[in-house]
Amino acid sequence: MTSEATTVDQYINEAPEDRREALHKLRNIILENLPEGFQEGMGYGMAGYVVPHSIYPQGYHCNPKQALPFMGFASQKNSINFYHMGIYAKPELYDWFVTEYPKHSKQKLDIGKSCLRIKKPENIPFELIGELVKKITVQDWIATYEASLKK
C-alpha cells in the first residue's frame, strides 16, 4: 500500500483509523530516539528517515538523487511494517534485536532482512524500537553503508 502523501502527518492521517494512534506513537518513539543528523520525510510511499544530501552528498548508490535511506515505517494491507537497514547490514544488531524481541512483545517475531511486520498495532514493541533507533548514528550508518558497497 504505497501512498501519494507528501508529509508524514498526511501519511498517518490517511492510514486506516484503527492504526493511526499506533503510527503516531511509533513516529514519536522514533523522533524521540533518532540520533542527530537523520531527516524525516516521505520515500518509497512511506514514512522514512534518511541521511540528507547536506551530510552525505553522494546519496543512495541506486539513485544518487535520493538521500541515503536508513529507516522507515508503513501501514501495509495486513500489518504495520518497521524497516531498519541497520538490522540488515549489521548481523550483531540483528542478533541483539532477535534476542530482545520476546522481552517486549507477545507476538511471534515476523522479520525479513530489514522489515519487522506487526499484525496488531497493540503488539508494536515501542520501547525496543526506541532502543534500536538509538544504536546507530549518522556517521555509523554512513561507514556501514560504504563498507557494504566495497564487498
Protein backbone atom coordinates (compact mmCIF):
# COMPACT_ATOMS: atom_id res chain seq x y z
CA MET A 1 0.00 0.00 0.00
CA THR A 2 2.09 2.89 -1.23
CA SER A 3 0.90 6.39 -0.56
CA GLU A 4 0.98 9.62 -2.51
CA ALA A 5 1.25 11.58 0.76
CA THR A 6 3.92 14.27 0.75
CA THR A 7 4.30 14.58 4.54
CA VAL A 8 4.44 12.07 7.36
CA ASP A 9 1.46 13.75 9.04
CA GLN A 10 -0.58 13.33 5.86
CA TYR A 11 0.56 9.71 5.55
CA ILE A 12 -0.55 8.84 9.08
CA ASN A 13 -3.85 10.68 8.69
CA GLU A 14 -4.59 8.68 5.51
CA ALA A 15 -3.92 5.35 7.25
CA PRO A 16 -6.82 3.21 8.46
CA GLU A 17 -8.35 4.76 11.55
CA ASP A 18 -7.57 1.74 13.74
CA ARG A 19 -3.83 2.20 13.04
CA ARG A 20 -3.41 5.96 13.36
CA GLU A 21 -2.79 6.07 17.11
CA ALA A 22 -0.12 3.35 16.85
CA LEU A 23 1.52 5.07 13.86
CA HIS A 24 1.62 8.39 15.75
CA LYS A 25 3.18 6.65 18.74
CA LEU A 26 5.70 4.82 16.54
CA ARG A 27 6.68 8.08 14.86
CA ASN A 28 7.07 9.82 18.23
CA ILE A 29 9.25 6.99 19.61
CA ILE A 30 11.45 7.23 16.52
CA LEU A 31 11.75 11.01 16.73
CA GLU A 32 12.50 10.93 20.47
CA ASN A 33 15.37 8.49 19.92
CA LEU A 34 16.63 9.45 16.47
CA PRO A 35 20.31 10.44 16.51
CA GLU A 36 21.11 13.93 15.26
CA GLY A 37 21.52 14.29 11.53
CA PHE A 38 18.87 11.91 10.24
CA GLN A 39 15.96 13.61 8.49
CA GLU A 40 12.31 12.59 8.41
CA GLY A 41 10.37 12.59 5.18
CA MET A 42 8.41 10.52 2.71
CA GLY A 43 10.07 7.98 0.45
CA TYR A 44 9.01 4.82 -1.34
CA GLY A 45 5.40 5.65 -0.44
CA MET A 46 6.02 5.50 3.31
CA ALA A 47 7.45 7.48 6.22
CA GLY A 48 11.21 7.39 6.16
CA TYR A 49 14.38 8.56 7.86
CA VAL A 50 17.41 9.32 5.74
CA VAL A 51 20.88 10.81 5.77
CA PRO A 52 20.29 14.05 3.83
CA HIS A 53 22.49 15.19 0.96
CA SER A 54 23.75 18.04 3.16
CA ILE A 55 25.57 15.37 5.21
CA TYR A 56 26.13 12.69 2.57
CA PRO A 57 26.18 14.37 -0.85
CA GLN A 58 26.78 11.09 -2.70
CA GLY A 59 23.23 9.96 -1.90
CA TYR A 60 21.93 6.45 -2.38
CA HIS A 61 24.00 4.40 -4.86
CA CYS A 62 20.88 3.05 -6.61
CA ASN A 63 19.77 6.61 -7.30
CA PRO A 64 22.21 9.32 -6.16
CA LYS A 65 19.45 11.95 -6.41
CA GLN A 66 17.84 10.27 -3.37
CA ALA A 67 19.14 10.76 0.15
CA LEU A 68 20.71 7.73 1.81
CA PRO A 69 17.81 5.68 3.29
CA PHE A 70 18.09 4.27 6.79
CA MET A 71 14.75 3.52 8.42
CA GLY A 72 11.02 3.79 7.84
CA PHE A 73 7.56 2.57 8.68
CA ALA A 74 4.50 1.75 6.64
CA SER A 75 0.88 0.80 7.04
CA GLN A 76 0.54 -2.20 4.74
CA LYS A 77 -2.55 -4.25 3.91
CA ASN A 78 -2.13 -6.82 6.71
CA SER A 79 0.43 -5.23 9.02
CA ILE A 80 2.36 -2.23 10.20
CA ASN A 81 5.92 -2.64 9.00
CA PHE A 82 9.04 -1.13 10.50
CA TYR A 83 12.14 -1.05 8.31
CA HIS A 84 15.67 -0.63 9.69
CA MET A 85 18.59 -1.02 7.32
CA GLY A 86 21.00 -1.40 10.24
CA ILE A 87 19.44 -4.75 11.13
CA TYR A 88 20.12 -5.90 7.58
CA ALA A 89 23.66 -4.55 7.40
CA LYS A 90 24.91 -5.39 10.89
CA PRO A 91 24.45 -9.05 11.93
CA GLU A 92 25.26 -8.27 15.57
CA LEU A 93 22.44 -5.73 15.65
CA TYR A 94 20.05 -8.24 14.09
CA ASP A 95 21.07 -10.83 16.71
CA TRP A 96 20.55 -8.32 19.53
CA PHE A 97 17.10 -7.42 18.22
CA VAL A 98 16.01 -11.05 17.83
CA THR A 99 17.19 -11.82 21.38
CA GLU A 100 15.46 -8.78 22.89
CA TYR A 101 12.21 -9.02 20.96
CA PRO A 102 10.47 -11.69 23.11
CA LYS A 103 11.00 -9.47 26.16
CA HIS A 104 8.92 -6.75 24.52
CA SER A 105 6.16 -8.46 22.53
CA LYS A 106 3.88 -11.47 22.85
CA GLN A 107 3.57 -11.70 19.07
CA LYS A 108 5.80 -14.21 17.31
CA LEU A 109 8.67 -12.40 15.60
CA ASP A 110 7.89 -11.86 11.91
CA ILE A 111 11.00 -10.33 10.39
CA GLY A 112 12.61 -10.17 6.98
CA LYS A 113 16.06 -8.87 6.12
CA SER A 114 15.25 -5.37 7.36
CA CYS A 115 11.50 -5.48 7.90
CA LEU A 116 9.59 -6.16 11.11
CA ARG A 117 5.94 -6.97 10.36
CA ILE A 118 3.42 -6.36 13.16
CA LYS A 119 -0.10 -7.62 12.50
CA LYS A 120 -1.78 -5.98 15.50
CA PRO A 121 -0.95 -2.38 16.44
CA GLU A 122 -1.11 -3.23 20.15
CA ASN A 123 1.83 -5.62 19.67
CA ILE A 124 4.31 -2.98 18.47
CA PRO A 125 7.38 -3.17 20.74
CA PHE A 126 7.71 0.61 21.08
CA GLU A 127 10.39 0.54 23.80
CA LEU A 128 12.53 -1.93 21.86
CA ILE A 129 12.21 0.12 18.67
CA GLY A 130 13.28 3.21 20.63
CA GLU A 131 16.38 1.35 21.83
CA LEU A 132 17.14 0.16 18.30
CA VAL A 133 16.79 3.65 16.82
CA LYS A 134 19.47 4.99 19.21
CA LYS A 135 22.03 2.35 18.33
CA ILE A 136 23.32 3.78 15.04
CA THR A 137 24.45 7.36 14.49
CA VAL A 138 24.55 9.02 11.09
CA GLN A 139 28.33 8.53 11.00
CA ASP A 140 27.97 4.85 11.93
CA TRP A 141 25.38 4.32 9.21
CA ILE A 142 27.49 6.03 6.53
CA ALA A 143 30.52 3.90 7.49
CA THR A 144 28.43 0.69 7.47
CA TYR A 145 26.83 1.61 4.15
CA GLU A 146 30.16 2.45 2.48
CA ALA A 147 31.75 -0.77 3.79
CA SER A 148 28.88 -2.79 2.30
CA LEU A 149 29.45 -1.18 -1.12
CA LYS A 150 33.06 -2.37 -1.12
CA LYS A 151 32.12 -6.04 -0.69
